[in-house]
Amino acid sequence: MQRNKVVAKRKGALAVVAAGGAVAAGVVIAPVAGIVAAAGAVYLGWDWLTFRIKNGMRF
């Protein structure tokens, strides 16, 4: 269970960083670039959520 907590924390942090990068790309580069980057952030967030659900972890 402890290993799952570490993995979930890493996945969550990666999703947050990707979301921040998507916002930065949308502001600095172009809104279209932000949308493309946001798609990756949504995928990583979904991966984090499903991992927690599969392992019976609370929020």
C-alpha atoms as a PDB file:
ATOM      1  CA  MET A   1       0.000   0.000   0.000  1.00  0.00           C
ATOM      2  CA  GLN A   2       2.857   2.375   0.762  1.00  0.00           C
ATOM      3  CA  ARG A   3       4.260   1.918  -2.753  1.00  0.00           C
ATOM      4  CA  ASN A   4       0.856   2.779  -4.227  1.00  0.00           C
ATOM      5  CA  LYS A   5       0.796   6.026  -2.257  1.00  0.00           C
ATOM      6  CA  VAL A   6       4.170   7.013  -3.655  1.00  0.00           C
ATOM      7  CA  VAL A   7       3.114   6.179  -7.209  1.00  0.00           C
ATOM      8  CA  ALA A   8      -0.175   8.079  -6.804  1.00  0.00           C
ATOM      9  CA  LYS A   9       1.669  11.105  -5.464  1.00  0.00           C
ATOM     10  CA  ARG A  10       4.069  11.051  -8.408  1.00  0.00           C
ATOM     11  CA  LYS A  11       1.234  10.691 -10.931  1.00  0.00           C
ATOM     12  CA  GLY A  12      -0.679  13.544  -9.299  1.00  0.00           C
ATOM     13  CA  ALA A  13       2.338  15.825  -9.289  1.00  0.00           C
ATOM     14  CA  LEU A  14       2.986  15.092 -12.944  1.00  0.00           C
ATOM     15  CA  ALA A  15      -0.633  15.908 -13.808  1.00  0.00           C
ATOM     16  CA  VAL A  16      -0.437  19.218 -11.920  1.00  0.00           C
ATOM     17  CA  VAL A  17       2.802  20.187 -13.633  1.00  0.00           C
ATOM     18  CA  ALA A  18       1.311  19.320 -17.032  1.00  0.00           C
ATOM     19  CA  ALA A  19      -1.758  21.443 -16.279  1.00  0.00           C
ATOM     20  CA  GLY A  20       0.457  24.351 -15.289  1.00  0.00           C
ATOM     21  CA  GLY A  21       2.442  23.941 -18.475  1.00  0.00           C
ATOM     22  CA  ALA A  22      -0.766  23.916 -20.492  1.00  0.00           C
ATOM     23  CA  VAL A  23      -1.865  27.190 -18.921  1.00  0.00           C
ATOM     24  CA  ALA A  24       1.556  28.716 -19.532  1.00  0.00           C
ATOM     25  CA  ALA A  25       1.560  27.539 -23.141  1.00  0.00           C
ATOM     26  CA  GLY A  26      -1.897  28.993 -23.651  1.00  0.00           C
ATOM     27  CA  VAL A  27      -0.861  32.373 -22.294  1.00  0.00           C
ATOM     28  CA  VAL A  28       2.649  32.656 -23.731  1.00  0.00           C
ATOM     29  CA  ILE A  29       2.444  30.843 -27.071  1.00  0.00           C
ATOM     30  CA  ALA A  30      -1.147  30.656 -28.286  1.00  0.00           C
ATOM     31  CA  PRO A  31      -4.523  29.413 -27.084  1.00  0.00           C
ATOM     32  CA  VAL A  32      -4.349  26.511 -29.540  1.00  0.00           C
ATOM     33  CA  ALA A  33      -1.070  25.328 -28.010  1.00  0.00           C
ATOM     34  CA  GLY A  34      -2.675  25.536 -24.580  1.00  0.00           C
ATOM     35  CA  ILE A  35      -5.583  23.369 -25.726  1.00  0.00           C
ATOM     36  CA  VAL A  36      -3.237  20.746 -27.149  1.00  0.00           C
ATOM     37  CA  ALA A  37      -1.190  20.713 -23.956  1.00  0.00           C
ATOM     38  CA  ALA A  38      -4.367  20.586 -21.866  1.00  0.00           C
ATOM     39  CA  ALA A  39      -5.351  17.366 -23.622  1.00  0.00           C
ATOM     40  CA  GLY A  40      -2.179  15.761 -22.278  1.00  0.00           C
ATOM     41  CA  ALA A  41      -2.857  17.144 -18.816  1.00  0.00           C
ATOM     42  CA  VAL A  42      -6.392  15.729 -18.870  1.00  0.00           C
ATOM     43  CA  TYR A  43      -5.019  12.309 -19.804  1.00  0.00           C
ATOM     44  CA  LEU A  44      -2.518  12.397 -16.947  1.00  0.00           C
ATOM     45  CA  GLY A  45      -5.215  13.496 -14.519  1.00  0.00           C
ATOM     46  CA  TRP A  46      -7.455  10.648 -15.673  1.00  0.00           C
ATOM     47  CA  ASP A  47      -4.558   8.201 -15.238  1.00  0.00           C
ATOM     48  CA  TRP A  48      -4.032   9.445 -11.675  1.00  0.00           C
ATOM     49  CA  LEU A  49      -7.737   9.197 -10.855  1.00  0.00           C
ATOM     50  CA  THR A  50      -8.163   5.681 -12.236  1.00  0.00           C
ATOM     51  CA  PHE A  51      -5.019   4.504 -10.425  1.00  0.00           C
ATOM     52  CA  ARG A  52      -6.410   5.723  -7.106  1.00  0.00           C
ATOM     53  CA  ILE A  53      -9.805   4.155  -7.783  1.00  0.00           C
ATOM     54  CA  LYS A  54      -8.324   0.785  -8.805  1.00  0.00           C
ATOM     55  CA  ASN A  55      -6.230   0.655  -5.650  1.00  0.00           C
ATOM     56  CA  GLY A  56      -9.061   1.716  -3.345  1.00  0.00           C
ATOM     57  CA  MET A  57      -7.374   4.918  -2.243  1.00  0.00           C
ATOM     58  CA  ARG A  58      -9.325   7.794  -0.713  1.00  0.00           C
ATOM     59  CA  PHE A  59      -8.976  11.440  -1.578  1.00  0.00           C
END
